[in-house]
Amino acid sequence: MWFPYLLLAIAYILGSFPTGYLLGRMAGIDIRELGSGSTGATNVWRNVGKFAGIIVFATDFAKGAIAIYMMQSANYLQAFSASTFGYTQSLITDNLSLFVIGAGMLALIGHSRPVWLGFKGGKSVATGVGILCMLNWIVAIAAFSVWLATMAIWRIVSISSIAAAAAAPVLMWTLQGNIVYSSFVTVGCIFVIWLHRSNIERILNGTEFSFKSDSKA
């Protein structure tokens, strides 16, 4: 009975691994004190370098994907054991959707509110994309296409991230038959947009960082 809850705890710990902060420290800076203060890929890209930003994005993406894969794999193993050896169906198997979204939500919260950094982390975009890929890769590609199109027009990462987060729930409800997963993506994307509230304020003030102008505002 305790195993599924251990996996949920691991999902939070996995999500909270502070890749951006550690790379910043390796470069001799505290990334939380520069730029937007986020430990995510964009702020690391701006203040540490392009290669570091790519590493952070890839790692944060993997954190979300692994959190979902871990729970799904545990379900497959326990379901196989039940059918092969005649065990009673496991708690995960009987409540798969709920445990999967629980792992996803805890990975998101872990990234944005890591216990190791005083609960101040990133905006959970890359981690959210990793989660979305595991839930429905078609929706993930479509949402990423929205991100690319918005980025091509405005050249501002936060606007692109907000647009993709707004589009993802619509795409999930249209293309995904699982109501629980679609509801989770809706809540998760609202959470991601809420994490961007300081970016929204800078966008409205015209001071948000843009790759078009390479501004440091």
N, C-alpha and C. Protein backbone atom coordinates (compact mmCIF):
# COMPACT_ATOMS: atom_id res chain seq x y z
N MET A 1 0.82 -1.22 0.00
CA MET A 1 0.00 0.00 0.00
C MET A 1 0.85 1.27 0.00
N TRP A 2 2.04 1.17 0.59
CA TRP A 2 2.87 2.37 0.71
C TRP A 2 3.61 2.69 -0.57
N PHE A 3 3.81 1.72 -1.46
CA PHE A 3 4.65 1.91 -2.64
C PHE A 3 4.19 3.06 -3.54
N PRO A 4 2.89 3.17 -3.86
CA PRO A 4 2.46 4.29 -4.72
C PRO A 4 2.77 5.65 -4.11
N TYR A 5 2.64 5.77 -2.82
CA TYR A 5 2.89 7.05 -2.16
C TYR A 5 4.39 7.37 -2.13
N LEU A 6 5.21 6.33 -2.07
CA LEU A 6 6.65 6.54 -2.19
C LEU A 6 6.99 7.10 -3.57
N LEU A 7 6.34 6.58 -4.60
CA LEU A 7 6.57 7.07 -5.96
C LEU A 7 6.14 8.54 -6.09
N LEU A 8 5.06 8.91 -5.42
CA LEU A 8 4.63 10.31 -5.45
C LEU A 8 5.68 11.21 -4.81
N ALA A 9 6.24 10.75 -3.70
CA ALA A 9 7.29 11.53 -3.03
C ALA A 9 8.52 11.65 -3.93
N ILE A 10 8.85 10.56 -4.62
CA ILE A 10 9.99 10.58 -5.53
C ILE A 10 9.72 11.55 -6.68
N ALA A 11 8.48 11.63 -7.16
CA ALA A 11 8.13 12.55 -8.24
C ALA A 11 8.42 13.99 -7.83
N TYR A 12 8.08 14.34 -6.58
CA TYR A 12 8.37 15.70 -6.10
C TYR A 12 9.88 15.92 -6.01
N ILE A 13 10.59 14.96 -5.43
CA ILE A 13 12.05 15.09 -5.29
C ILE A 13 12.71 15.20 -6.67
N LEU A 14 12.23 14.40 -7.61
CA LEU A 14 12.75 14.44 -8.97
C LEU A 14 12.52 15.83 -9.59
N GLY A 15 11.29 16.32 -9.46
CA GLY A 15 10.97 17.62 -10.03
C GLY A 15 11.76 18.75 -9.40
N SER A 16 12.14 18.58 -8.14
CA SER A 16 12.81 19.66 -7.42
C SER A 16 14.32 19.66 -7.61
N PHE A 17 14.86 18.70 -8.38
CA PHE A 17 16.30 18.69 -8.60
C PHE A 17 16.72 20.01 -9.25
N PRO A 18 17.58 20.80 -8.61
CA PRO A 18 17.84 22.19 -9.03
C PRO A 18 18.92 22.33 -10.10
N THR A 19 18.68 21.82 -11.29
CA THR A 19 19.68 21.84 -12.35
C THR A 19 20.17 23.25 -12.66
N GLY A 20 19.23 24.17 -12.85
CA GLY A 20 19.60 25.54 -13.19
C GLY A 20 20.42 26.21 -12.11
N TYR A 21 20.02 25.99 -10.87
CA TYR A 21 20.76 26.57 -9.75
C TYR A 21 22.18 26.02 -9.69
N LEU A 22 22.34 24.70 -9.87
CA LEU A 22 23.65 24.07 -9.78
C LEU A 22 24.56 24.55 -10.91
N LEU A 23 24.03 24.69 -12.12
CA LEU A 23 24.84 25.18 -13.23
C LEU A 23 25.24 26.64 -13.00
N GLY A 24 24.33 27.40 -12.39
CA GLY A 24 24.68 28.78 -12.05
C GLY A 24 25.81 28.83 -11.05
N ARG A 25 25.73 27.97 -10.03
CA ARG A 25 26.79 27.92 -9.02
C ARG A 25 28.13 27.51 -9.64
N MET A 26 28.07 26.60 -10.60
CA MET A 26 29.30 26.18 -11.28
C MET A 26 29.92 27.34 -12.05
N ALA A 27 29.05 28.28 -12.48
CA ALA A 27 29.53 29.46 -13.20
C ALA A 27 29.85 30.61 -12.24
N GLY A 28 29.68 30.37 -10.94
CA GLY A 28 30.03 31.38 -9.95
C GLY A 28 28.95 32.39 -9.64
N ILE A 29 27.68 32.05 -9.97
CA ILE A 29 26.59 32.98 -9.72
C ILE A 29 25.43 32.27 -9.02
N ASP A 30 24.56 33.06 -8.40
CA ASP A 30 23.29 32.55 -7.89
C ASP A 30 22.23 32.98 -8.88
N ILE A 31 21.75 32.06 -9.70
CA ILE A 31 20.82 32.39 -10.77
C ILE A 31 19.55 33.04 -10.25
N ARG A 32 19.21 32.82 -8.98
CA ARG A 32 18.01 33.39 -8.39
C ARG A 32 18.13 34.89 -8.19
N GLU A 33 19.35 35.41 -8.27
CA GLU A 33 19.58 36.84 -8.04
C GLU A 33 19.76 37.62 -9.33
N LEU A 34 19.59 36.94 -10.47
CA LEU A 34 19.80 37.58 -11.76
C LEU A 34 18.57 37.43 -12.65
N GLY A 35 18.39 38.38 -13.54
CA GLY A 35 17.28 38.31 -14.48
C GLY A 35 15.94 38.21 -13.80
N SER A 36 15.16 37.22 -14.20
CA SER A 36 13.83 37.01 -13.63
C SER A 36 13.87 36.32 -12.27
N GLY A 37 15.05 35.82 -11.89
CA GLY A 37 15.15 35.09 -10.63
C GLY A 37 14.76 33.63 -10.74
N SER A 38 14.36 33.20 -11.91
CA SER A 38 13.95 31.82 -12.13
C SER A 38 15.16 30.93 -12.30
N THR A 39 15.03 29.66 -11.91
CA THR A 39 16.09 28.68 -12.13
C THR A 39 15.87 27.90 -13.43
N GLY A 40 14.93 28.36 -14.23
CA GLY A 40 14.59 27.66 -15.46
C GLY A 40 15.54 27.94 -16.61
N ALA A 41 15.28 27.29 -17.75
CA ALA A 41 16.19 27.31 -18.89
C ALA A 41 16.41 28.70 -19.47
N THR A 42 15.35 29.50 -19.58
CA THR A 42 15.48 30.81 -20.20
C THR A 42 16.40 31.73 -19.41
N ASN A 43 16.20 31.78 -18.11
CA ASN A 43 17.04 32.64 -17.28
C ASN A 43 18.48 32.14 -17.24
N VAL A 44 18.66 30.82 -17.26
CA VAL A 44 20.00 30.26 -17.30
C VAL A 44 20.66 30.59 -18.64
N TRP A 45 19.91 30.47 -19.72
CA TRP A 45 20.40 30.82 -21.07
C TRP A 45 20.92 32.25 -21.08
N ARG A 46 20.15 33.16 -20.52
CA ARG A 46 20.51 34.58 -20.53
C ARG A 46 21.76 34.87 -19.70
N ASN A 47 21.87 34.22 -18.55
CA ASN A 47 22.88 34.62 -17.58
C ASN A 47 24.07 33.68 -17.44
N VAL A 48 23.93 32.45 -17.95
CA VAL A 48 25.04 31.51 -17.89
C VAL A 48 25.55 31.18 -19.28
N GLY A 49 24.60 30.97 -20.22
CA GLY A 49 25.00 30.68 -21.58
C GLY A 49 24.03 29.75 -22.28
N LYS A 50 24.13 29.72 -23.61
CA LYS A 50 23.21 28.92 -24.42
C LYS A 50 23.30 27.44 -24.08
N PHE A 51 24.52 26.90 -23.99
CA PHE A 51 24.68 25.47 -23.73
C PHE A 51 24.09 25.09 -22.39
N ALA A 52 24.32 25.92 -21.38
CA ALA A 52 23.75 25.66 -20.05
C ALA A 52 22.23 25.69 -20.10
N GLY A 53 21.67 26.64 -20.86
CA GLY A 53 20.22 26.72 -21.00
C GLY A 53 19.63 25.48 -21.63
N ILE A 54 20.33 24.95 -22.63
CA ILE A 54 19.86 23.73 -23.30
C ILE A 54 19.90 22.54 -22.34
N ILE A 55 20.96 22.46 -21.54
CA ILE A 55 21.06 21.38 -20.55
C ILE A 55 19.92 21.46 -19.54
N VAL A 56 19.63 22.67 -19.08
CA VAL A 56 18.54 22.85 -18.10
C VAL A 56 17.21 22.45 -18.71
N PHE A 57 16.95 22.89 -19.94
CA PHE A 57 15.68 22.53 -20.58
C PHE A 57 15.55 21.02 -20.71
N ALA A 58 16.61 20.37 -21.20
CA ALA A 58 16.56 18.92 -21.40
C ALA A 58 16.36 18.19 -20.07
N THR A 59 17.06 18.64 -19.03
CA THR A 59 16.93 17.99 -17.72
C THR A 59 15.55 18.21 -17.13
N ASP A 60 15.05 19.44 -17.22
CA ASP A 60 13.72 19.73 -16.66
C ASP A 60 12.63 18.98 -17.43
N PHE A 61 12.80 18.86 -18.75
CA PHE A 61 11.88 18.06 -19.56
C PHE A 61 11.89 16.62 -19.07
N ALA A 62 13.09 16.07 -18.86
CA ALA A 62 13.21 14.68 -18.44
C ALA A 62 12.58 14.45 -17.07
N LYS A 63 12.68 15.43 -16.18
CA LYS A 63 12.09 15.27 -14.84
C LYS A 63 10.59 15.01 -14.93
N GLY A 64 9.90 15.77 -15.78
CA GLY A 64 8.47 15.58 -15.93
C GLY A 64 8.13 14.26 -16.60
N ALA A 65 8.89 13.93 -17.66
CA ALA A 65 8.62 12.69 -18.39
C ALA A 65 8.89 11.47 -17.51
N ILE A 66 9.97 11.49 -16.75
CA ILE A 66 10.32 10.34 -15.91
C ILE A 66 9.31 10.17 -14.78
N ALA A 67 8.81 11.27 -14.23
CA ALA A 67 7.82 11.16 -13.15
C ALA A 67 6.58 10.40 -13.62
N ILE A 68 6.13 10.69 -14.84
CA ILE A 68 4.96 9.99 -15.39
C ILE A 68 5.32 8.55 -15.76
N TYR A 69 6.45 8.38 -16.43
CA TYR A 69 6.87 7.05 -16.85
C TYR A 69 7.06 6.12 -15.66
N MET A 70 7.61 6.66 -14.58
CA MET A 70 7.84 5.88 -13.37
C MET A 70 6.52 5.31 -12.83
N MET A 71 5.49 6.13 -12.78
CA MET A 71 4.21 5.67 -12.26
C MET A 71 3.54 4.69 -13.22
N GLN A 72 3.63 4.99 -14.52
CA GLN A 72 3.03 4.09 -15.50
C GLN A 72 3.73 2.73 -15.52
N SER A 73 5.05 2.74 -15.38
CA SER A 73 5.81 1.48 -15.37
C SER A 73 5.47 0.65 -14.14
N ALA A 74 5.32 1.31 -13.00
CA ALA A 74 4.94 0.60 -11.78
C ALA A 74 3.58 -0.06 -11.96
N ASN A 75 2.69 0.63 -12.64
CA ASN A 75 1.37 0.05 -12.91
C ASN A 75 1.48 -1.18 -13.79
N TYR A 76 2.28 -1.10 -14.86
CA TYR A 76 2.42 -2.24 -15.77
C TYR A 76 3.00 -3.44 -15.04
N LEU A 77 4.01 -3.22 -14.21
CA LEU A 77 4.64 -4.31 -13.48
C LEU A 77 3.68 -4.96 -12.49
N GLN A 78 2.91 -4.13 -11.79
CA GLN A 78 1.99 -4.68 -10.81
C GLN A 78 0.80 -5.36 -11.48
N ALA A 79 0.35 -4.82 -12.60
CA ALA A 79 -0.73 -5.46 -13.34
C ALA A 79 -0.27 -6.81 -13.90
N PHE A 80 0.98 -6.86 -14.38
CA PHE A 80 1.53 -8.12 -14.89
C PHE A 80 1.62 -9.16 -13.78
N SER A 81 2.07 -8.73 -12.61
CA SER A 81 2.17 -9.63 -11.47
C SER A 81 0.80 -10.17 -11.07
N ALA A 82 -0.21 -9.28 -11.13
CA ALA A 82 -1.56 -9.69 -10.75
C ALA A 82 -2.10 -10.75 -11.71
N SER A 83 -1.88 -10.54 -13.02
CA SER A 83 -2.42 -11.47 -14.00
C SER A 83 -1.62 -12.78 -14.04
N THR A 84 -0.32 -12.69 -13.77
CA THR A 84 0.54 -13.87 -13.86
C THR A 84 0.46 -14.74 -12.62
N PHE A 85 0.46 -14.11 -11.47
CA PHE A 85 0.54 -14.86 -10.22
C PHE A 85 -0.77 -14.87 -9.42
N GLY A 86 -1.80 -14.22 -10.00
CA GLY A 86 -3.10 -14.24 -9.34
C GLY A 86 -3.21 -13.30 -8.17
N TYR A 87 -2.38 -12.25 -8.13
CA TYR A 87 -2.47 -11.28 -7.05
C TYR A 87 -3.71 -10.42 -7.22
N THR A 88 -4.12 -9.81 -6.13
CA THR A 88 -5.19 -8.81 -6.21
C THR A 88 -4.65 -7.57 -6.91
N GLN A 89 -5.47 -6.95 -7.71
CA GLN A 89 -5.04 -5.74 -8.41
C GLN A 89 -4.49 -4.72 -7.44
N SER A 90 -3.44 -4.03 -7.86
CA SER A 90 -2.76 -3.08 -6.98
C SER A 90 -3.52 -1.76 -6.88
N LEU A 91 -3.11 -0.97 -5.89
CA LEU A 91 -3.71 0.35 -5.71
C LEU A 91 -3.46 1.23 -6.92
N ILE A 92 -2.25 1.14 -7.51
CA ILE A 92 -1.95 1.94 -8.70
C ILE A 92 -2.83 1.51 -9.86
N THR A 93 -2.93 0.22 -10.08
CA THR A 93 -3.72 -0.29 -11.20
C THR A 93 -5.17 0.14 -11.10
N ASP A 94 -5.72 0.09 -9.92
CA ASP A 94 -7.12 0.44 -9.74
C ASP A 94 -7.37 1.95 -9.83
N ASN A 95 -6.32 2.75 -9.62
CA ASN A 95 -6.48 4.21 -9.62
C ASN A 95 -5.39 4.86 -10.47
N LEU A 96 -5.11 4.26 -11.63
CA LEU A 96 -3.96 4.67 -12.43
C LEU A 96 -3.97 6.15 -12.78
N SER A 97 -5.08 6.63 -13.33
CA SER A 97 -5.14 8.03 -13.77
C SER A 97 -4.84 9.00 -12.63
N LEU A 98 -5.39 8.71 -11.46
CA LEU A 98 -5.19 9.61 -10.32
C LEU A 98 -3.73 9.62 -9.87
N PHE A 99 -3.10 8.44 -9.85
CA PHE A 99 -1.69 8.40 -9.43
C PHE A 99 -0.79 9.04 -10.48
N VAL A 100 -1.12 8.87 -11.75
CA VAL A 100 -0.32 9.49 -12.81
C VAL A 100 -0.38 11.01 -12.72
N ILE A 101 -1.58 11.56 -12.57
CA ILE A 101 -1.66 13.02 -12.49
C ILE A 101 -1.09 13.53 -11.16
N GLY A 102 -1.17 12.70 -10.13
CA GLY A 102 -0.55 13.08 -8.86
C GLY A 102 0.95 13.22 -9.01
N ALA A 103 1.57 12.26 -9.72
CA ALA A 103 3.00 12.32 -9.97
C ALA A 103 3.35 13.53 -10.82
N GLY A 104 2.53 13.80 -11.82
CA GLY A 104 2.77 14.95 -12.68
C GLY A 104 2.67 16.27 -11.93
N MET A 105 1.66 16.40 -11.10
CA MET A 105 1.47 17.65 -10.36
C MET A 105 2.59 17.86 -9.36
N LEU A 106 3.02 16.80 -8.71
CA LEU A 106 4.10 16.93 -7.73
C LEU A 106 5.43 17.26 -8.41
N ALA A 107 5.64 16.75 -9.63
CA ALA A 107 6.85 17.12 -10.38
C ALA A 107 6.82 18.60 -10.74
N LEU A 108 5.65 19.10 -11.15
CA LEU A 108 5.50 20.53 -11.45
C LEU A 108 5.78 21.38 -10.22
N ILE A 109 5.16 21.00 -9.12
CA ILE A 109 5.34 21.76 -7.88
C ILE A 109 6.79 21.67 -7.41
N GLY A 110 7.39 20.49 -7.56
CA GLY A 110 8.78 20.33 -7.16
C GLY A 110 9.70 21.26 -7.92
N HIS A 111 9.45 21.41 -9.22
CA HIS A 111 10.30 22.28 -10.03
C HIS A 111 10.14 23.75 -9.64
N SER A 112 8.93 24.16 -9.42
CA SER A 112 8.68 25.58 -9.12
C SER A 112 8.85 25.92 -7.65
N ARG A 113 8.68 24.91 -6.79
CA ARG A 113 8.79 25.13 -5.34
C ARG A 113 9.70 24.06 -4.72
N PRO A 114 10.99 24.06 -5.09
CA PRO A 114 11.91 23.05 -4.56
C PRO A 114 12.27 23.30 -3.10
N VAL A 115 12.18 22.28 -2.30
CA VAL A 115 12.46 22.42 -0.88
C VAL A 115 13.91 22.81 -0.64
N TRP A 116 14.82 22.42 -1.55
CA TRP A 116 16.25 22.69 -1.38
C TRP A 116 16.59 24.17 -1.54
N LEU A 117 15.74 24.93 -2.24
CA LEU A 117 16.05 26.32 -2.55
C LEU A 117 15.05 27.28 -1.92
N GLY A 118 14.52 26.90 -0.77
CA GLY A 118 13.57 27.79 -0.10
C GLY A 118 12.28 27.95 -0.88
N PHE A 119 11.92 26.90 -1.64
CA PHE A 119 10.66 26.88 -2.42
C PHE A 119 10.63 27.97 -3.50
N LYS A 120 11.79 28.30 -4.06
CA LYS A 120 11.85 29.26 -5.16
C LYS A 120 12.61 28.62 -6.31
N GLY A 121 11.88 28.24 -7.37
CA GLY A 121 12.51 27.55 -8.49
C GLY A 121 12.17 28.18 -9.82
N GLY A 122 11.73 27.33 -10.77
CA GLY A 122 11.45 27.79 -12.12
C GLY A 122 9.97 27.93 -12.39
N LYS A 123 9.64 28.07 -13.68
CA LYS A 123 8.26 28.30 -14.10
C LYS A 123 7.57 27.02 -14.57
N SER A 124 8.27 25.89 -14.51
CA SER A 124 7.69 24.56 -14.78
C SER A 124 7.29 24.33 -16.23
N VAL A 125 7.78 25.14 -17.15
CA VAL A 125 7.39 24.97 -18.55
C VAL A 125 7.99 23.70 -19.13
N ALA A 126 9.32 23.55 -19.05
CA ALA A 126 9.97 22.37 -19.63
C ALA A 126 9.49 21.09 -18.95
N THR A 127 9.34 21.13 -17.63
CA THR A 127 8.83 19.97 -16.91
C THR A 127 7.42 19.64 -17.37
N GLY A 128 6.60 20.67 -17.58
CA GLY A 128 5.24 20.47 -18.07
C GLY A 128 5.22 19.85 -19.45
N VAL A 129 6.14 20.26 -20.32
CA VAL A 129 6.21 19.68 -21.67
C VAL A 129 6.56 18.20 -21.59
N GLY A 130 7.48 17.85 -20.69
CA GLY A 130 7.83 16.44 -20.51
C GLY A 130 6.63 15.62 -20.06
N ILE A 131 5.87 16.17 -19.13
CA ILE A 131 4.66 15.49 -18.65
C ILE A 131 3.65 15.33 -19.78
N LEU A 132 3.45 16.41 -20.54
CA LEU A 132 2.47 16.40 -21.63
C LEU A 132 2.85 15.37 -22.69
N CYS A 133 4.15 15.24 -22.97
CA CYS A 133 4.59 14.25 -23.96
C CYS A 133 4.21 12.83 -23.55
N MET A 134 4.28 12.56 -22.25
CA MET A 134 3.95 11.22 -21.76
C MET A 134 2.44 10.98 -21.72
N LEU A 135 1.67 12.03 -21.58
CA LEU A 135 0.21 11.88 -21.54
C LEU A 135 -0.38 11.80 -22.94
N ASN A 136 0.11 12.65 -23.84
CA ASN A 136 -0.39 12.66 -25.22
C ASN A 136 0.63 13.40 -26.08
N TRP A 137 1.47 12.67 -26.79
CA TRP A 137 2.56 13.30 -27.54
C TRP A 137 2.04 14.17 -28.70
N ILE A 138 0.86 13.84 -29.23
CA ILE A 138 0.30 14.66 -30.30
C ILE A 138 -0.05 16.06 -29.78
N VAL A 139 -0.66 16.09 -28.60
CA VAL A 139 -0.99 17.37 -27.97
C VAL A 139 0.30 18.14 -27.66
N ALA A 140 1.32 17.43 -27.21
CA ALA A 140 2.59 18.08 -26.89
C ALA A 140 3.20 18.74 -28.12
N ILE A 141 3.18 18.04 -29.26
CA ILE A 141 3.72 18.60 -30.50
C ILE A 141 2.91 19.80 -30.96
N ALA A 142 1.58 19.69 -30.84
CA ALA A 142 0.72 20.80 -31.24
C ALA A 142 0.95 22.03 -30.37
N ALA A 143 1.08 21.81 -29.05
CA ALA A 143 1.35 22.92 -28.14
C ALA A 143 2.71 23.55 -28.42
N PHE A 144 3.69 22.70 -28.72
CA PHE A 144 5.03 23.21 -29.05
C PHE A 144 5.00 24.01 -30.35
N SER A 145 4.13 23.60 -31.27
CA SER A 145 3.98 24.36 -32.52
C SER A 145 3.44 25.76 -32.24
N VAL A 146 2.51 25.84 -31.29
CA VAL A 146 2.00 27.15 -30.87
C VAL A 146 3.14 27.97 -30.27
N TRP A 147 3.98 27.33 -29.47
CA TRP A 147 5.14 28.01 -28.87
C TRP A 147 6.06 28.56 -29.96
N LEU A 148 6.37 27.72 -30.96
CA LEU A 148 7.27 28.15 -32.04
C LEU A 148 6.68 29.30 -32.84
N ALA A 149 5.38 29.20 -33.17
CA ALA A 149 4.75 30.25 -33.96
C ALA A 149 4.74 31.57 -33.21
N THR A 150 4.41 31.52 -31.92
CA THR A 150 4.39 32.73 -31.10
C THR A 150 5.79 33.30 -30.94
N MET A 151 6.77 32.43 -30.77
CA MET A 151 8.15 32.87 -30.63
C MET A 151 8.64 33.53 -31.91
N ALA A 152 8.24 33.02 -33.06
CA ALA A 152 8.65 33.59 -34.33
C ALA A 152 8.10 35.01 -34.51
N ILE A 153 6.94 35.26 -33.93
CA ILE A 153 6.31 36.57 -34.07
C ILE A 153 6.86 37.57 -33.06
N TRP A 154 6.85 37.20 -31.77
CA TRP A 154 7.20 38.15 -30.72
C TRP A 154 8.62 38.02 -30.19
N ARG A 155 9.23 36.85 -30.34
CA ARG A 155 10.61 36.63 -29.89
C ARG A 155 10.75 36.80 -28.38
N ILE A 156 9.67 36.54 -27.66
CA ILE A 156 9.68 36.63 -26.20
C ILE A 156 9.25 35.28 -25.65
N VAL A 157 10.14 34.64 -24.90
CA VAL A 157 9.89 33.27 -24.44
C VAL A 157 8.66 33.19 -23.55
N SER A 158 8.49 34.15 -22.66
CA SER A 158 7.36 34.08 -21.73
C SER A 158 6.02 34.16 -22.45
N ILE A 159 5.92 35.00 -23.49
CA ILE A 159 4.68 35.07 -24.26
C ILE A 159 4.42 33.73 -24.94
N SER A 160 5.46 33.14 -25.51
CA SER A 160 5.32 31.85 -26.17
C SER A 160 4.90 30.76 -25.19
N SER A 161 5.49 30.78 -24.01
CA SER A 161 5.16 29.78 -22.99
C SER A 161 3.72 29.92 -22.52
N ILE A 162 3.29 31.15 -22.31
CA ILE A 162 1.91 31.40 -21.88
C ILE A 162 0.93 30.98 -22.96
N ALA A 163 1.26 31.29 -24.23
CA ALA A 163 0.38 30.91 -25.34
C ALA A 163 0.26 29.39 -25.45
N ALA A 164 1.39 28.70 -25.31
CA ALA A 164 1.37 27.23 -25.39
C ALA A 164 0.60 26.64 -24.22
N ALA A 165 0.77 27.23 -23.03
CA ALA A 165 0.05 26.75 -21.85
C ALA A 165 -1.45 26.98 -21.99
N ALA A 166 -1.84 28.06 -22.65
CA ALA A 166 -3.26 28.34 -22.87
C ALA A 166 -3.85 27.39 -23.92
N ALA A 167 -3.02 27.01 -24.90
CA ALA A 167 -3.51 26.14 -25.98
C ALA A 167 -3.60 24.68 -25.55
N ALA A 168 -2.71 24.24 -24.68
CA ALA A 168 -2.63 22.82 -24.32
C ALA A 168 -3.94 22.25 -23.77
N PRO A 169 -4.64 22.94 -22.85
CA PRO A 169 -5.91 22.36 -22.36
C PRO A 169 -6.96 22.21 -23.45
N VAL A 170 -7.02 23.20 -24.35
CA VAL A 170 -7.98 23.11 -25.46
C VAL A 170 -7.66 21.90 -26.32
N LEU A 171 -6.39 21.71 -26.60
CA LEU A 171 -5.97 20.57 -27.40
C LEU A 171 -6.25 19.24 -26.69
N MET A 172 -6.00 19.20 -25.38
CA MET A 172 -6.25 17.97 -24.62
C MET A 172 -7.73 17.61 -24.62
N TRP A 173 -8.58 18.57 -24.37
CA TRP A 173 -10.02 18.29 -24.34
C TRP A 173 -10.53 17.87 -25.71
N THR A 174 -9.84 18.34 -26.78
CA THR A 174 -10.26 18.00 -28.13
C THR A 174 -9.76 16.63 -28.56
N LEU A 175 -8.51 16.29 -28.18
CA LEU A 175 -7.86 15.10 -28.70
C LEU A 175 -7.72 13.94 -27.71
N GLN A 176 -7.89 14.21 -26.42
CA GLN A 176 -7.67 13.18 -25.38
C GLN A 176 -9.00 12.70 -24.82
N GLY A 177 -9.18 11.40 -24.80
CA GLY A 177 -10.43 10.86 -24.29
C GLY A 177 -10.49 10.75 -22.78
N ASN A 178 -9.33 10.84 -22.12
CA ASN A 178 -9.28 10.67 -20.67
C ASN A 178 -9.62 11.99 -19.98
N ILE A 179 -10.77 12.06 -19.34
CA ILE A 179 -11.23 13.29 -18.69
C ILE A 179 -10.31 13.70 -17.55
N VAL A 180 -9.80 12.71 -16.81
CA VAL A 180 -8.91 13.01 -15.68
C VAL A 180 -7.63 13.67 -16.18
N TYR A 181 -7.03 13.13 -17.24
CA TYR A 181 -5.81 13.72 -17.78
C TYR A 181 -6.07 15.12 -18.34
N SER A 182 -7.19 15.29 -19.03
CA SER A 182 -7.52 16.61 -19.59
C SER A 182 -7.74 17.63 -18.49
N SER A 183 -8.40 17.21 -17.42
CA SER A 183 -8.62 18.12 -16.29
C SER A 183 -7.29 18.50 -15.64
N PHE A 184 -6.40 17.52 -15.50
CA PHE A 184 -5.09 17.78 -14.92
C PHE A 184 -4.30 18.78 -15.76
N VAL A 185 -4.30 18.59 -17.08
CA VAL A 185 -3.57 19.51 -17.96
C VAL A 185 -4.14 20.92 -17.83
N THR A 186 -5.45 21.03 -17.69
CA THR A 186 -6.07 22.34 -17.50
C THR A 186 -5.57 23.01 -16.23
N VAL A 187 -5.60 22.27 -15.12
CA VAL A 187 -5.12 22.81 -13.85
C VAL A 187 -3.63 23.10 -13.91
N GLY A 188 -2.86 22.17 -14.49
CA GLY A 188 -1.42 22.36 -14.58
C GLY A 188 -1.04 23.58 -15.39
N CYS A 189 -1.75 23.81 -16.49
CA CYS A 189 -1.44 24.96 -17.34
C CYS A 189 -1.84 26.28 -16.67
N ILE A 190 -2.94 26.26 -15.93
CA ILE A 190 -3.31 27.45 -15.16
C ILE A 190 -2.21 27.76 -14.14
N PHE A 191 -1.67 26.71 -13.52
CA PHE A 191 -0.58 26.87 -12.56
C PHE A 191 0.65 27.47 -13.23
N VAL A 192 1.00 26.98 -14.42
CA VAL A 192 2.16 27.50 -15.15
C VAL A 192 1.96 28.97 -15.52
N ILE A 193 0.77 29.32 -15.98
CA ILE A 193 0.49 30.71 -16.32
C ILE A 193 0.56 31.59 -15.08
N TRP A 194 0.05 31.09 -13.96
CA TRP A 194 0.13 31.83 -12.69
C TRP A 194 1.57 32.08 -12.29
N LEU A 195 2.45 31.12 -12.54
CA LEU A 195 3.87 31.29 -12.23
C LEU A 195 4.51 32.38 -13.09
N HIS A 196 3.87 32.70 -14.20
CA HIS A 196 4.39 33.74 -15.10
C HIS A 196 3.82 35.12 -14.81
N ARG A 197 3.20 35.31 -13.66
CA ARG A 197 2.54 36.60 -13.40
C ARG A 197 3.53 37.77 -13.40
N SER A 198 4.76 37.57 -12.92
CA SER A 198 5.75 38.65 -12.96
C SER A 198 6.16 38.94 -14.41
N ASN A 199 6.22 37.88 -15.24
CA ASN A 199 6.52 38.08 -16.66
C ASN A 199 5.41 38.85 -17.34
N ILE A 200 4.17 38.55 -16.98
CA ILE A 200 3.03 39.26 -17.57
C ILE A 200 3.10 40.74 -17.22
N GLU A 201 3.49 41.04 -15.99
CA GLU A 201 3.62 42.43 -15.58
C GLU A 201 4.70 43.14 -16.39
N ARG A 202 5.83 42.47 -16.63
CA ARG A 202 6.90 43.06 -17.42
C ARG A 202 6.50 43.20 -18.89
N ILE A 203 5.72 42.23 -19.39
CA ILE A 203 5.23 42.33 -20.76
C ILE A 203 4.37 43.58 -20.92
N LEU A 204 3.46 43.79 -19.97
CA LEU A 204 2.58 44.96 -20.03
C LEU A 204 3.35 46.26 -19.89
N ASN A 205 4.46 46.20 -19.14
CA ASN A 205 5.29 47.40 -18.95
C ASN A 205 6.31 47.60 -20.08
N GLY A 206 6.40 46.61 -20.96
CA GLY A 206 7.35 46.70 -22.06
C GLY A 206 8.79 46.45 -21.66
N THR A 207 9.01 45.77 -20.53
CA THR A 207 10.37 45.54 -20.04
C THR A 207 10.77 44.07 -20.05
N GLU A 208 9.96 43.22 -20.61
CA GLU A 208 10.28 41.79 -20.63
C GLU A 208 11.40 41.52 -21.63
N PHE A 209 12.27 40.57 -21.30
CA PHE A 209 13.39 40.21 -22.16
C PHE A 209 12.89 39.69 -23.50
N SER A 210 13.51 40.20 -24.58
CA SER A 210 13.15 39.78 -25.93
C SER A 210 14.42 39.38 -26.68
N PHE A 211 14.37 38.25 -27.35
CA PHE A 211 15.50 37.84 -28.16
C PHE A 211 15.64 38.74 -29.40
N LYS A 212 14.58 39.45 -29.75
CA LYS A 212 14.63 40.36 -30.90
C LYS A 212 15.57 41.51 -30.64
N SER A 213 15.48 42.07 -29.44
CA SER A 213 16.31 43.22 -29.09
C SER A 213 17.52 42.83 -28.27
N ASP A 214 17.54 41.55 -27.79
CA ASP A 214 18.58 41.06 -26.89
C ASP A 214 18.72 41.97 -25.67
N SER A 215 17.54 42.48 -25.22
CA SER A 215 17.50 43.38 -24.07
C SER A 215 17.75 42.61 -22.80
N LYS A 216 18.31 43.25 -21.80
CA LYS A 216 18.51 42.65 -20.48
C LYS A 216 17.48 43.14 -19.48
N ALA A 217 16.41 43.74 -19.96
CA ALA A 217 15.40 44.27 -19.06
C ALA A 217 14.74 43.14 -18.30
